[in-house]
Amino acid sequence: MTADQRHQRPEAGRIRVYELVPVRRLGLDEVARRSGLHPDLVRRLVTLGLVDATRDRAGRLSFDLSAPRRLARVQRLRAGLPLNYASIGLVLDLLDRISLLEAALRRTGARSDDSPWT
């Protein structure tokens, strides 16, 4: 590498991400197998935004280790309630928000059965 190459800036608009600690990710086939779903349905749920995935340089989907658990939750909601996938997305967002609020309550030591402020 020449001195000029070392001082060049990366291409405009491109952000380089360097992993300090490699994070284990799951491929589409592994997520489909663990969740018991067809890979096409997993792709559709990614497209709908019900489960997060990233694409590698080759365009293959890569999932966080929690993806099978999230997909199982989607399937339980779909089977247990008469909801379409768009509604399930809203329910998942609300359940995530409730979990964050409950965690915040636990950190502050407040109890949910305390009398309300109103």
PDB file of N, CA and C in Angstrom:
ATOM      1  N   MET A   1       0.852  -1.169   0.000  1.00  0.00           N
ATOM      2  CA  MET A   1       0.000   0.000   0.000  1.00  0.00           C
ATOM      3  C   MET A   1       0.898   1.232   0.000  1.00  0.00           C
ATOM      4  N   THR A   2       0.615   2.139  -0.889  1.00  0.00           N
ATOM      5  CA  THR A   2       1.426   3.350  -0.982  1.00  0.00           C
ATOM      6  C   THR A   2       0.953   4.377   0.031  1.00  0.00           C
ATOM      7  N   ALA A   3       1.756   5.395   0.249  1.00  0.00           N
ATOM      8  CA  ALA A   3       1.388   6.457   1.182  1.00  0.00           C
ATOM      9  C   ALA A   3       0.134   7.169   0.719  1.00  0.00           C
ATOM     10  N   ASP A   4      -0.030   7.345  -0.597  1.00  0.00           N
ATOM     11  CA  ASP A   4      -1.236   8.002  -1.125  1.00  0.00           C
ATOM     12  C   ASP A   4      -2.490   7.174  -0.843  1.00  0.00           C
ATOM     13  N   GLN A   5      -2.389   5.861  -0.964  1.00  0.00           N
ATOM     14  CA  GLN A   5      -3.543   4.998  -0.726  1.00  0.00           C
ATOM     15  C   GLN A   5      -3.949   5.019   0.746  1.00  0.00           C
ATOM     16  N   ARG A   6      -2.985   5.122   1.635  1.00  0.00           N
ATOM     17  CA  ARG A   6      -3.301   5.135   3.060  1.00  0.00           C
ATOM     18  C   ARG A   6      -4.055   6.391   3.460  1.00  0.00           C
ATOM     19  N   HIS A   7      -3.840   7.480   2.773  1.00  0.00           N
ATOM     20  CA  HIS A   7      -4.459   8.738   3.154  1.00  0.00           C
ATOM     21  C   HIS A   7      -5.738   9.039   2.399  1.00  0.00           C
ATOM     22  N   GLN A   8      -6.142   8.161   1.495  1.00  0.00           N
ATOM     23  CA  GLN A   8      -7.393   8.385   0.770  1.00  0.00           C
ATOM     24  C   GLN A   8      -8.574   8.102   1.682  1.00  0.00           C
ATOM     25  N   ARG A   9      -9.604   8.858   1.490  1.00  0.00           N
ATOM     26  CA  ARG A   9     -10.822   8.654   2.271  1.00  0.00           C
ATOM     27  C   ARG A   9     -11.644   7.540   1.641  1.00  0.00           C
ATOM     28  N   PRO A  10     -12.441   6.837   2.464  1.00  0.00           N
ATOM     29  CA  PRO A  10     -13.315   5.818   1.878  1.00  0.00           C
ATOM     30  C   PRO A  10     -14.319   6.488   0.947  1.00  0.00           C
ATOM     31  N   GLU A  11     -14.905   5.681   0.075  1.00  0.00           N
ATOM     32  CA  GLU A  11     -15.878   6.219  -0.869  1.00  0.00           C
ATOM     33  C   GLU A  11     -16.983   6.953  -0.119  1.00  0.00           C
ATOM     34  N   ALA A  12     -17.415   8.069  -0.690  1.00  0.00           N
ATOM     35  CA  ALA A  12     -18.487   8.862  -0.068  1.00  0.00           C
ATOM     36  C   ALA A  12     -19.756   8.027   0.004  1.00  0.00           C
ATOM     37  N   GLY A  13     -20.449   8.109   1.116  1.00  0.00           N
ATOM     38  CA  GLY A  13     -21.716   7.415   1.290  1.00  0.00           C
ATOM     39  C   GLY A  13     -21.584   5.979   1.763  1.00  0.00           C
ATOM     40  N   ARG A  14     -20.395   5.442   1.797  1.00  0.00           N
ATOM     41  CA  ARG A  14     -20.215   4.066   2.255  1.00  0.00           C
ATOM     42  C   ARG A  14     -19.680   4.084   3.673  1.00  0.00           C
ATOM     43  N   ILE A  15     -20.292   3.316   4.500  1.00  0.00           N
ATOM     44  CA  ILE A  15     -19.854   3.203   5.891  1.00  0.00           C
ATOM     45  C   ILE A  15     -19.260   1.821   6.068  1.00  0.00           C
ATOM     46  N   ARG A  16     -18.074   1.779   6.574  1.00  0.00           N
ATOM     47  CA  ARG A  16     -17.445   0.501   6.851  1.00  0.00           C
ATOM     48  C   ARG A  16     -17.726   0.097   8.284  1.00  0.00           C
ATOM     49  N   VAL A  17     -18.090  -1.148   8.455  1.00  0.00           N
ATOM     50  CA  VAL A  17     -18.366  -1.685   9.778  1.00  0.00           C
ATOM     51  C   VAL A  17     -17.316  -2.750  10.071  1.00  0.00           C
ATOM     52  N   TYR A  18     -16.655  -2.586  11.185  1.00  0.00           N
ATOM     53  CA  TYR A  18     -15.643  -3.540  11.607  1.00  0.00           C
ATOM     54  C   TYR A  18     -16.117  -4.189  12.899  1.00  0.00           C
ATOM     55  N   GLU A  19     -16.287  -5.493  12.869  1.00  0.00           N
ATOM     56  CA  GLU A  19     -16.715  -6.208  14.056  1.00  0.00           C
ATOM     57  C   GLU A  19     -15.519  -6.406  14.982  1.00  0.00           C
ATOM     58  N   LEU A  20     -15.655  -5.947  16.207  1.00  0.00           N
ATOM     59  CA  LEU A  20     -14.604  -6.157  17.195  1.00  0.00           C
ATOM     60  C   LEU A  20     -14.645  -7.580  17.715  1.00  0.00           C
ATOM     61  N   VAL A  21     -15.859  -8.076  17.894  1.00  0.00           N
ATOM     62  CA  VAL A  21     -16.060  -9.447  18.332  1.00  0.00           C
ATOM     63  C   VAL A  21     -16.987 -10.101  17.313  1.00  0.00           C
ATOM     64  N   PRO A  22     -16.560 -11.180  16.695  1.00  0.00           N
ATOM     65  CA  PRO A  22     -17.430 -11.825  15.714  1.00  0.00           C
ATOM     66  C   PRO A  22     -18.736 -12.274  16.368  1.00  0.00           C
ATOM     67  N   VAL A  23     -19.819 -11.996  15.696  1.00  0.00           N
ATOM     68  CA  VAL A  23     -21.138 -12.352  16.208  1.00  0.00           C
ATOM     69  C   VAL A  23     -21.660 -13.520  15.379  1.00  0.00           C
ATOM     70  N   ARG A  24     -22.086 -14.558  16.064  1.00  0.00           N
ATOM     71  CA  ARG A  24     -22.613 -15.720  15.352  1.00  0.00           C
ATOM     72  C   ARG A  24     -23.977 -15.363  14.787  1.00  0.00           C
ATOM     73  N   ARG A  25     -24.187 -15.655  13.535  1.00  0.00           N
ATOM     74  CA  ARG A  25     -25.443 -15.400  12.853  1.00  0.00           C
ATOM     75  C   ARG A  25     -25.954 -16.714  12.283  1.00  0.00           C
ATOM     76  N   LEU A  26     -27.235 -16.767  12.027  1.00  0.00           N
ATOM     77  CA  LEU A  26     -27.851 -17.960  11.460  1.00  0.00           C
ATOM     78  C   LEU A  26     -28.249 -17.695  10.014  1.00  0.00           C
ATOM     79  N   GLY A  27     -28.112 -18.719   9.180  1.00  0.00           N
ATOM     80  CA  GLY A  27     -28.543 -18.631   7.797  1.00  0.00           C
ATOM     81  C   GLY A  27     -30.031 -18.930   7.674  1.00  0.00           C
ATOM     82  N   LEU A  28     -30.577 -18.686   6.501  1.00  0.00           N
ATOM     83  CA  LEU A  28     -32.000 -18.888   6.254  1.00  0.00           C
ATOM     84  C   LEU A  28     -32.426 -20.325   6.510  1.00  0.00           C
ATOM     85  N   ASP A  29     -31.663 -21.292   6.010  1.00  0.00           N
ATOM     86  CA  ASP A  29     -32.044 -22.697   6.184  1.00  0.00           C
ATOM     87  C   ASP A  29     -32.053 -23.102   7.662  1.00  0.00           C
ATOM     88  N   GLU A  30     -31.076 -22.621   8.413  1.00  0.00           N
ATOM     89  CA  GLU A  30     -31.009 -22.947   9.845  1.00  0.00           C
ATOM     90  C   GLU A  30     -32.179 -22.325  10.599  1.00  0.00           C
ATOM     91  N   VAL A  31     -32.515 -21.083  10.289  1.00  0.00           N
ATOM     92  CA  VAL A  31     -33.651 -20.419  10.950  1.00  0.00           C
ATOM     93  C   VAL A  31     -34.948 -21.129  10.587  1.00  0.00           C
ATOM     94  N   ALA A  32     -35.107 -21.493   9.327  1.00  0.00           N
ATOM     95  CA  ALA A  32     -36.321 -22.205   8.896  1.00  0.00           C
ATOM     96  C   ALA A  32     -36.429 -23.549   9.609  1.00  0.00           C
ATOM     97  N   ARG A  33     -35.322 -24.265   9.698  1.00  0.00           N
ATOM     98  CA  ARG A  33     -35.342 -25.575  10.374  1.00  0.00           C
ATOM     99  C   ARG A  33     -35.674 -25.424  11.851  1.00  0.00           C
ATOM    100  N   ARG A  34     -35.021 -24.469  12.529  1.00  0.00           N
ATOM    101  CA  ARG A  34     -35.253 -24.291  13.968  1.00  0.00           C
ATOM    102  C   ARG A  34     -36.668 -23.815  14.275  1.00  0.00           C
ATOM    103  N   SER A  35     -37.251 -23.024  13.385  1.00  0.00           N
ATOM    104  CA  SER A  35     -38.593 -22.490  13.636  1.00  0.00           C
ATOM    105  C   SER A  35     -39.691 -23.381  13.074  1.00  0.00           C
ATOM    106  N   GLY A  36     -39.329 -24.351  12.258  1.00  0.00           N
ATOM    107  CA  GLY A  36     -40.315 -25.249  11.678  1.00  0.00           C
ATOM    108  C   GLY A  36     -41.110 -24.609  10.545  1.00  0.00           C
ATOM    109  N   LEU A  37     -40.585 -23.570   9.950  1.00  0.00           N
ATOM    110  CA  LEU A  37     -41.265 -22.863   8.870  1.00  0.00           C
ATOM    111  C   LEU A  37     -40.550 -23.100   7.554  1.00  0.00           C
ATOM    112  N   HIS A  38     -41.279 -22.954   6.473  1.00  0.00           N
ATOM    113  CA  HIS A  38     -40.685 -23.055   5.142  1.00  0.00           C
ATOM    114  C   HIS A  38     -39.832 -21.813   4.895  1.00  0.00           C
ATOM    115  N   PRO A  39     -38.683 -21.966   4.245  1.00  0.00           N
ATOM    116  CA  PRO A  39     -37.829 -20.801   3.982  1.00  0.00           C
ATOM    117  C   PRO A  39     -38.540 -19.664   3.239  1.00  0.00           C
ATOM    118  N   ASP A  40     -39.474 -20.005   2.336  1.00  0.00           N
ATOM    119  CA  ASP A  40     -40.216 -18.951   1.633  1.00  0.00           C
ATOM    120  C   ASP A  40     -41.059 -18.123   2.593  1.00  0.00           C
ATOM    121  N   LEU A  41     -41.654 -18.780   3.607  1.00  0.00           N
ATOM    122  CA  LEU A  41     -42.438 -18.042   4.594  1.00  0.00           C
ATOM    123  C   LEU A  41     -41.522 -17.163   5.444  1.00  0.00           C
ATOM    124  N   VAL A  42     -40.351 -17.664   5.782  1.00  0.00           N
ATOM    125  CA  VAL A  42     -39.389 -16.859   6.546  1.00  0.00           C
ATOM    126  C   VAL A  42     -39.006 -15.618   5.730  1.00  0.00           C
ATOM    127  N   ARG A  43     -38.750 -15.799   4.442  1.00  0.00           N
ATOM    128  CA  ARG A  43     -38.438 -14.641   3.579  1.00  0.00           C
ATOM    129  C   ARG A  43     -39.582 -13.639   3.569  1.00  0.00           C
ATOM    130  N   ARG A  44     -40.816 -14.128   3.490  1.00  0.00           N
ATOM    131  CA  ARG A  44     -41.984 -13.249   3.484  1.00  0.00           C
ATOM    132  C   ARG A  44     -42.096 -12.483   4.792  1.00  0.00           C
ATOM    133  N   LEU A  45     -41.834 -13.137   5.910  1.00  0.00           N
ATOM    134  CA  LEU A  45     -41.908 -12.475   7.205  1.00  0.00           C
ATOM    135  C   LEU A  45     -40.802 -11.426   7.353  1.00  0.00           C
ATOM    136  N   VAL A  46     -39.657 -11.672   6.737  1.00  0.00           N
ATOM    137  CA  VAL A  46     -38.589 -10.663   6.712  1.00  0.00           C
ATOM    138  C   VAL A  46     -39.064  -9.461   5.901  1.00  0.00           C
ATOM    139  N   THR A  47     -39.658  -9.717   4.745  1.00  0.00           N
ATOM    140  CA  THR A  47     -40.159  -8.641   3.887  1.00  0.00           C
ATOM    141  C   THR A  47     -41.214  -7.810   4.605  1.00  0.00           C
ATOM    142  N   LEU A  48     -42.055  -8.457   5.396  1.00  0.00           N
ATOM    143  CA  LEU A  48     -43.096  -7.758   6.153  1.00  0.00           C
ATOM    144  C   LEU A  48     -42.548  -7.038   7.379  1.00  0.00           C
ATOM    145  N   GLY A  49     -41.293  -7.281   7.716  1.00  0.00           N
ATOM    146  CA  GLY A  49     -40.683  -6.620   8.859  1.00  0.00           C
ATOM    147  C   GLY A  49     -40.984  -7.269  10.188  1.00  0.00           C
ATOM    148  N   LEU A  50     -41.457  -8.506  10.176  1.00  0.00           N
ATOM    149  CA  LEU A  50     -41.781  -9.185  11.427  1.00  0.00           C
ATOM    150  C   LEU A  50     -40.567  -9.830  12.078  1.00  0.00           C
ATOM    151  N   VAL A  51     -39.515 -10.028  11.315  1.00  0.00           N
ATOM    152  CA  VAL A  51     -38.256 -10.542  11.848  1.00  0.00           C
ATOM    153  C   VAL A  51     -37.136  -9.813  11.113  1.00  0.00           C
ATOM    154  N   ASP A  52     -36.086  -9.471  11.851  1.00  0.00           N
ATOM    155  CA  ASP A  52     -34.970  -8.731  11.274  1.00  0.00           C
ATOM    156  C   ASP A  52     -33.949  -9.678  10.661  1.00  0.00           C
ATOM    157  N   ALA A  53     -33.402  -9.260   9.532  1.00  0.00           N
ATOM    158  CA  ALA A  53     -32.344 -10.012   8.868  1.00  0.00           C
ATOM    159  C   ALA A  53     -31.466  -9.024   8.119  1.00  0.00           C
ATOM    160  N   THR A  54     -30.238  -9.433   7.901  1.00  0.00           N
ATOM    161  CA  THR A  54     -29.326  -8.650   7.081  1.00  0.00           C
ATOM    162  C   THR A  54     -28.896  -9.524   5.910  1.00  0.00           C
ATOM    163  N   ARG A  55     -28.323  -8.893   4.931  1.00  0.00           N
ATOM    164  CA  ARG A  55     -27.823  -9.637   3.768  1.00  0.00           C
ATOM    165  C   ARG A  55     -26.300  -9.542   3.738  1.00  0.00           C
ATOM    166  N   ASP A  56     -25.660 -10.655   3.420  1.00  0.00           N
ATOM    167  CA  ASP A  56     -24.214 -10.635   3.269  1.00  0.00           C
ATOM    168  C   ASP A  56     -23.860 -10.162   1.861  1.00  0.00           C
ATOM    169  N   ARG A  57     -22.590 -10.154   1.542  1.00  0.00           N
ATOM    170  CA  ARG A  57     -22.142  -9.658   0.238  1.00  0.00           C
ATOM    171  C   ARG A  57     -22.745 -10.450  -0.923  1.00  0.00           C
ATOM    172  N   ALA A  58     -23.033 -11.714  -0.707  1.00  0.00           N
ATOM    173  CA  ALA A  58     -23.602 -12.563  -1.753  1.00  0.00           C
ATOM    174  C   ALA A  58     -25.122 -12.433  -1.830  1.00  0.00           C
ATOM    175  N   GLY A  59     -25.727 -11.667  -0.914  1.00  0.00           N
ATOM    176  CA  GLY A  59     -27.171 -11.473  -0.928  1.00  0.00           C
ATOM    177  C   GLY A  59     -27.953 -12.468  -0.092  1.00  0.00           C
ATOM    178  N   ARG A  60     -27.249 -13.341   0.629  1.00  0.00           N
ATOM    179  CA  ARG A  60     -27.919 -14.333   1.466  1.00  0.00           C
ATOM    180  C   ARG A  60     -28.384 -13.685   2.767  1.00  0.00           C
ATOM    181  N   LEU A  61     -29.548 -14.119   3.254  1.00  0.00           N
ATOM    182  CA  LEU A  61     -30.083 -13.599   4.511  1.00  0.00           C
ATOM    183  C   LEU A  61     -29.297 -14.153   5.686  1.00  0.00           C
ATOM    184  N   SER A  62     -29.096 -13.307   6.683  1.00  0.00           N
ATOM    185  CA  SER A  62     -28.389 -13.667   7.900  1.00  0.00           C
ATOM    186  C   SER A  62     -29.215 -13.162   9.078  1.00  0.00           C
ATOM    187  N   PHE A  63     -29.419 -14.011  10.074  1.00  0.00           N
ATOM    188  CA  PHE A  63     -30.319 -13.712  11.179  1.00  0.00           C
ATOM    189  C   PHE A  63     -29.590 -13.712  12.513  1.00  0.00           C
ATOM    190  N   ASP A  64     -30.114 -12.934  13.442  1.00  0.00           N
ATOM    191  CA  ASP A  64     -29.666 -12.938  14.817  1.00  0.00           C
ATOM    192  C   ASP A  64     -30.076 -14.274  15.449  1.00  0.00           C
ATOM    193  N   LEU A  65     -29.401 -14.662  16.519  1.00  0.00           N
ATOM    194  CA  LEU A  65     -29.722 -15.931  17.186  1.00  0.00           C
ATOM    195  C   LEU A  65     -31.138 -15.970  17.755  1.00  0.00           C
ATOM    196  N   SER A  66     -31.747 -14.807  17.982  1.00  0.00           N
ATOM    197  CA  SER A  66     -33.100 -14.763  18.546  1.00  0.00           C
ATOM    198  C   SER A  66     -34.191 -14.894  17.487  1.00  0.00           C
ATOM    199  N   ALA A  67     -33.842 -14.988  16.216  1.00  0.00           N
ATOM    200  CA  ALA A  67     -34.838 -15.034  15.144  1.00  0.00           C
ATOM    201  C   ALA A  67     -35.803 -16.220  15.262  1.00  0.00           C
ATOM    202  N   PRO A  68     -35.340 -17.449  15.546  1.00  0.00           N
ATOM    203  CA  PRO A  68     -36.311 -18.546  15.674  1.00  0.00           C
ATOM    204  C   PRO A  68     -37.339 -18.314  16.789  1.00  0.00           C
ATOM    205  N   ARG A  69     -36.894 -17.702  17.887  1.00  0.00           N
ATOM    206  CA  ARG A  69     -37.820 -17.402  18.987  1.00  0.00           C
ATOM    207  C   ARG A  69     -38.851 -16.367  18.539  1.00  0.00           C
ATOM    208  N   ARG A  70     -38.401 -15.352  17.804  1.00  0.00           N
ATOM    209  CA  ARG A  70     -39.303 -14.316  17.284  1.00  0.00           C
ATOM    210  C   ARG A  70     -40.303 -14.924  16.301  1.00  0.00           C
ATOM    211  N   LEU A  71     -39.836 -15.813  15.427  1.00  0.00           N
ATOM    212  CA  LEU A  71     -40.725 -16.456  14.467  1.00  0.00           C
ATOM    213  C   LEU A  71     -41.739 -17.352  15.161  1.00  0.00           C
ATOM    214  N   ALA A  72     -41.326 -18.023  16.218  1.00  0.00           N
ATOM    215  CA  ALA A  72     -42.272 -18.846  16.974  1.00  0.00           C
ATOM    216  C   ALA A  72     -43.354 -17.974  17.599  1.00  0.00           C
ATOM    217  N   ARG A  73     -42.976 -16.807  18.073  1.00  0.00           N
ATOM    218  CA  ARG A  73     -43.943 -15.874  18.650  1.00  0.00           C
ATOM    219  C   ARG A  73     -44.940 -15.408  17.591  1.00  0.00           C
ATOM    220  N   VAL A  74     -44.446 -15.119  16.385  1.00  0.00           N
ATOM    221  CA  VAL A  74     -45.319 -14.727  15.279  1.00  0.00           C
ATOM    222  C   VAL A  74     -46.313 -15.841  14.981  1.00  0.00           C
ATOM    223  N   GLN A  75     -45.830 -17.063  14.931  1.00  0.00           N
ATOM    224  CA  GLN A  75     -46.710 -18.186  14.620  1.00  0.00           C
ATOM    225  C   GLN A  75     -47.739 -18.433  15.726  1.00  0.00           C
ATOM    226  N   ARG A  76     -47.336 -18.259  16.991  1.00  0.00           N
ATOM    227  CA  ARG A  76     -48.299 -18.411  18.087  1.00  0.00           C
ATOM    228  C   ARG A  76     -49.400 -17.358  18.004  1.00  0.00           C
ATOM    229  N   LEU A  77     -49.020 -16.126  17.706  1.00  0.00           N
ATOM    230  CA  LEU A  77     -50.018 -15.068  17.565  1.00  0.00           C
ATOM    231  C   LEU A  77     -50.937 -15.344  16.380  1.00  0.00           C
ATOM    232  N   ARG A  78     -50.368 -15.799  15.286  1.00  0.00           N
ATOM    233  CA  ARG A  78     -51.157 -16.089  14.079  1.00  0.00           C
ATOM    234  C   ARG A  78     -52.139 -17.227  14.335  1.00  0.00           C
ATOM    235  N   ALA A  79     -51.692 -18.255  15.063  1.00  0.00           N
ATOM    236  CA  ALA A  79     -52.552 -19.411  15.333  1.00  0.00           C
ATOM    237  C   ALA A  79     -53.590 -19.114  16.415  1.00  0.00           C
ATOM    238  N   GLY A  80     -53.211 -18.288  17.399  1.00  0.00           N
ATOM    239  CA  GLY A  80     -54.093 -18.073  18.544  1.00  0.00           C
ATOM    240  C   GLY A  80     -55.079 -16.938  18.389  1.00  0.00           C
ATOM    241  N   LEU A  81     -54.813 -16.020  17.492  1.00  0.00           N
ATOM    242  CA  LEU A  81     -55.680 -14.858  17.314  1.00  0.00           C
ATOM    243  C   LEU A  81     -56.039 -14.700  15.841  1.00  0.00           C
ATOM    244  N   PRO A  82     -57.216 -14.202  15.558  1.00  0.00           N
ATOM    245  CA  PRO A  82     -57.598 -14.000  14.149  1.00  0.00           C
ATOM    246  C   PRO A  82     -56.983 -12.705  13.592  1.00  0.00           C
ATOM    247  N   LEU A  83     -55.648 -12.696  13.462  1.00  0.00           N
ATOM    248  CA  LEU A  83     -54.935 -11.496  13.018  1.00  0.00           C
ATOM    249  C   LEU A  83     -54.187 -11.773  11.718  1.00  0.00           C
ATOM    250  N   ASN A  84     -54.097 -10.751  10.870  1.00  0.00           N
ATOM    251  CA  ASN A  84     -53.232 -10.864   9.702  1.00  0.00           C
ATOM    252  C   ASN A  84     -51.818 -10.476  10.120  1.00  0.00           C
ATOM    253  N   TYR A  85     -50.869 -10.636   9.199  1.00  0.00           N
ATOM    254  CA  TYR A  85     -49.473 -10.384   9.562  1.00  0.00           C
ATOM    255  C   TYR A  85     -49.197  -8.914   9.877  1.00  0.00           C
ATOM    256  N   ALA A  86     -49.909  -8.002   9.228  1.00  0.00           N
ATOM    257  CA  ALA A  86     -49.723  -6.578   9.544  1.00  0.00           C
ATOM    258  C   ALA A  86     -50.143  -6.291  10.978  1.00  0.00           C
ATOM    259  N   SER A  87     -51.248  -6.886  11.411  1.00  0.00           N
ATOM    260  CA  SER A  87     -51.713  -6.707  12.791  1.00  0.00           C
ATOM    261  C   SER A  87     -50.755  -7.350  13.780  1.00  0.00           C
ATOM    262  N   ILE A  88     -50.191  -8.475  13.389  1.00  0.00           N
ATOM    263  CA  ILE A  88     -49.225  -9.142  14.265  1.00  0.00           C
ATOM    264  C   ILE A  88     -48.009  -8.250  14.477  1.00  0.00           C
ATOM    265  N   GLY A  89     -47.592  -7.525  13.443  1.00  0.00           N
ATOM    266  CA  GLY A  89     -46.486  -6.587  13.599  1.00  0.00           C
ATOM    267  C   GLY A  89     -46.785  -5.548  14.656  1.00  0.00           C
ATOM    268  N   LEU A  90     -48.000  -5.020  14.658  1.00  0.00           N
ATOM    269  CA  LEU A  90     -48.412  -4.043  15.665  1.00  0.00           C
ATOM    270  C   LEU A  90     -48.414  -4.672  17.058  1.00  0.00           C
ATOM    271  N   VAL A  91     -48.951  -5.871  17.177  1.00  0.00           N
ATOM    272  CA  VAL A  91     -48.988  -6.562  18.473  1.00  0.00           C
ATOM    273  C   VAL A  91     -47.566  -6.800  18.980  1.00  0.00           C
ATOM    274  N   LEU A  92     -46.661  -7.227  18.095  1.00  0.00           N
ATOM    275  CA  LEU A  92     -45.272  -7.450  18.503  1.00  0.00           C
ATOM    276  C   LEU A  92     -44.618  -6.158  18.989  1.00  0.00           C
ATOM    277  N   ASP A  93     -44.874  -5.066  18.285  1.00  0.00           N
ATOM    278  CA  ASP A  93     -44.326  -3.773  18.715  1.00  0.00           C
ATOM    279  C   ASP A  93     -44.841  -3.396  20.097  1.00  0.00           C
ATOM    280  N   LEU A  94     -46.137  -3.602  20.331  1.00  0.00           N
ATOM    281  CA  LEU A  94     -46.717  -3.282  21.639  1.00  0.00           C
ATOM    282  C   LEU A  94     -46.152  -4.184  22.736  1.00  0.00           C
ATOM    283  N   LEU A  95     -46.011  -5.471  22.447  1.00  0.00           N
ATOM    284  CA  LEU A  95     -45.446  -6.390  23.438  1.00  0.00           C
ATOM    285  C   LEU A  95     -43.992  -6.028  23.764  1.00  0.00           C
ATOM    286  N   ASP A  96     -43.228  -5.640  22.743  1.00  0.00           N
ATOM    287  CA  ASP A  96     -41.841  -5.201  22.986  1.00  0.00           C
ATOM    288  C   ASP A  96     -41.821  -3.953  23.853  1.00  0.00           C
ATOM    289  N   ARG A  97     -42.724  -3.025  23.578  1.00  0.00           N
ATOM    290  CA  ARG A  97     -42.791  -1.777  24.369  1.00  0.00           C
ATOM    291  C   ARG A  97     -43.174  -2.078  25.814  1.00  0.00           C
ATOM    292  N   ILE A  98     -44.106  -2.980  26.013  1.00  0.00           N
ATOM    293  CA  ILE A  98     -44.514  -3.373  27.368  1.00  0.00           C
ATOM    294  C   ILE A  98     -43.326  -3.983  28.112  1.00  0.00           C
ATOM    295  N   SER A  99     -42.555  -4.822  27.429  1.00  0.00           N
ATOM    296  CA  SER A  99     -41.383  -5.434  28.058  1.00  0.00           C
ATOM    297  C   SER A  99     -40.366  -4.378  28.481  1.00  0.00           C
ATOM    298  N   LEU A 100     -40.148  -3.373  27.628  1.00  0.00           N
ATOM    299  CA  LEU A 100     -39.223  -2.297  27.983  1.00  0.00           C
ATOM    300  C   LEU A 100     -39.724  -1.506  29.189  1.00  0.00           C
ATOM    301  N   LEU A 101     -41.015  -1.219  29.223  1.00  0.00           N
ATOM    302  CA  LEU A 101     -41.578  -0.469  30.348  1.00  0.00           C
ATOM    303  C   LEU A 101     -41.509  -1.269  31.646  1.00  0.00           C
ATOM    304  N   GLU A 102     -41.790  -2.566  31.564  1.00  0.00           N
ATOM    305  CA  GLU A 102     -41.694  -3.411  32.756  1.00  0.00           C
ATOM    306  C   GLU A 102     -40.255  -3.483  33.258  1.00  0.00           C
ATOM    307  N   ALA A 103     -39.301  -3.576  32.341  1.00  0.00           N
ATOM    308  CA  ALA A 103     -37.887  -3.601  32.734  1.00  0.00           C
ATOM    309  C   ALA A 103     -37.501  -2.292  33.405  1.00  0.00           C
ATOM    310  N   ALA A 104     -37.994  -1.179  32.890  1.00  0.00           N
ATOM    311  CA  ALA A 104     -37.704   0.124  33.501  1.00  0.00           C
ATOM    312  C   ALA A 104     -38.308   0.205  34.895  1.00  0.00           C
ATOM    313  N   LEU A 105     -39.493  -0.339  35.072  1.00  0.00           N
ATOM    314  CA  LEU A 105     -40.118  -0.357  36.404  1.00  0.00           C
ATOM    315  C   LEU A 105     -39.290  -1.188  37.380  1.00  0.00           C
ATOM    316  N   ARG A 106     -38.811  -2.332  36.912  1.00  0.00           N
ATOM    317  CA  ARG A 106     -37.996  -3.186  37.789  1.00  0.00           C
ATOM    318  C   ARG A 106     -36.710  -2.481  38.191  1.00  0.00           C
ATOM    319  N   ARG A 107     -36.100  -1.754  37.260  1.00  0.00           N
ATOM    320  CA  ARG A 107     -34.849  -1.038  37.576  1.00  0.00           C
ATOM    321  C   ARG A 107     -35.073   0.058  38.607  1.00  0.00           C
ATOM    322  N   THR A 108     -36.214   0.719  38.571  1.00  0.00           N
ATOM    323  CA  THR A 108     -36.477   1.807  39.512  1.00  0.00           C
ATOM    324  C   THR A 108     -37.008   1.295  40.843  1.00  0.00           C
ATOM    325  N   GLY A 109     -37.364   0.025  40.884  1.00  0.00           N
ATOM    326  CA  GLY A 109     -37.891  -0.538  42.117  1.00  0.00           C
ATOM    327  C   GLY A 109     -39.369  -0.263  42.315  1.00  0.00           C
ATOM    328  N   ALA A 110     -40.022   0.339  41.342  1.00  0.00           N
ATOM    329  CA  ALA A 110     -41.459   0.600  41.452  1.00  0.00           C
ATOM    330  C   ALA A 110     -42.214  -0.701  41.246  1.00  0.00           C
ATOM    331  N   ARG A 111     -43.376  -0.764  41.855  1.00  0.00           N
ATOM    332  CA  ARG A 111     -44.213  -1.941  41.698  1.00  0.00           C
ATOM    333  C   ARG A 111     -45.460  -1.549  40.934  1.00  0.00           C
ATOM    334  N   SER A 112     -45.903  -2.423  40.055  1.00  0.00           N
ATOM    335  CA  SER A 112     -47.062  -2.113  39.237  1.00  0.00           C
ATOM    336  C   SER A 112     -48.357  -2.107  40.033  1.00  0.00           C
ATOM    337  N   ASP A 113     -48.361  -2.716  41.232  1.00  0.00           N
ATOM    338  CA  ASP A 113     -49.587  -2.717  42.033  1.00  0.00           C
ATOM    339  C   ASP A 113     -49.648  -1.524  42.994  1.00  0.00           C
ATOM    340  N   ASP A 114     -48.660  -0.608  42.939  1.00  0.00           N
ATOM    341  CA  ASP A 114     -48.725   0.628  43.720  1.00  0.00           C
ATOM    342  C   ASP A 114     -49.879   1.474  43.211  1.00  0.00           C
ATOM    343  N   SER A 115     -50.395   2.329  44.082  1.00  0.00           N
ATOM    344  CA  SER A 115     -51.505   3.163  43.648  1.00  0.00           C
ATOM    345  C   SER A 115     -51.042   4.121  42.546  1.00  0.00           C
ATOM    346  N   PRO A 116     -51.888   4.326  41.539  1.00  0.00           N
ATOM    347  CA  PRO A 116     -51.490   5.217  40.440  1.00  0.00           C
ATOM    348  C   PRO A 116     -51.386   6.660  40.896  1.00  0.00           C
ATOM    349  N   TRP A 117     -50.703   7.469  40.138  1.00  0.00           N
ATOM    350  CA  TRP A 117     -50.466   8.870  40.491  1.00  0.00           C
ATOM    351  C   TRP A 117     -51.697   9.726  40.288  1.00  0.00           C
ATOM    352  N   THR A 118     -52.705   9.229  39.574  1.00  0.00           N
ATOM    353  CA  THR A 118     -53.904  10.039  39.326  1.00  0.00           C
ATOM    354  C   THR A 118     -54.930   9.915  40.401  1.00  0.00           C
TER     355      THR A 118
END
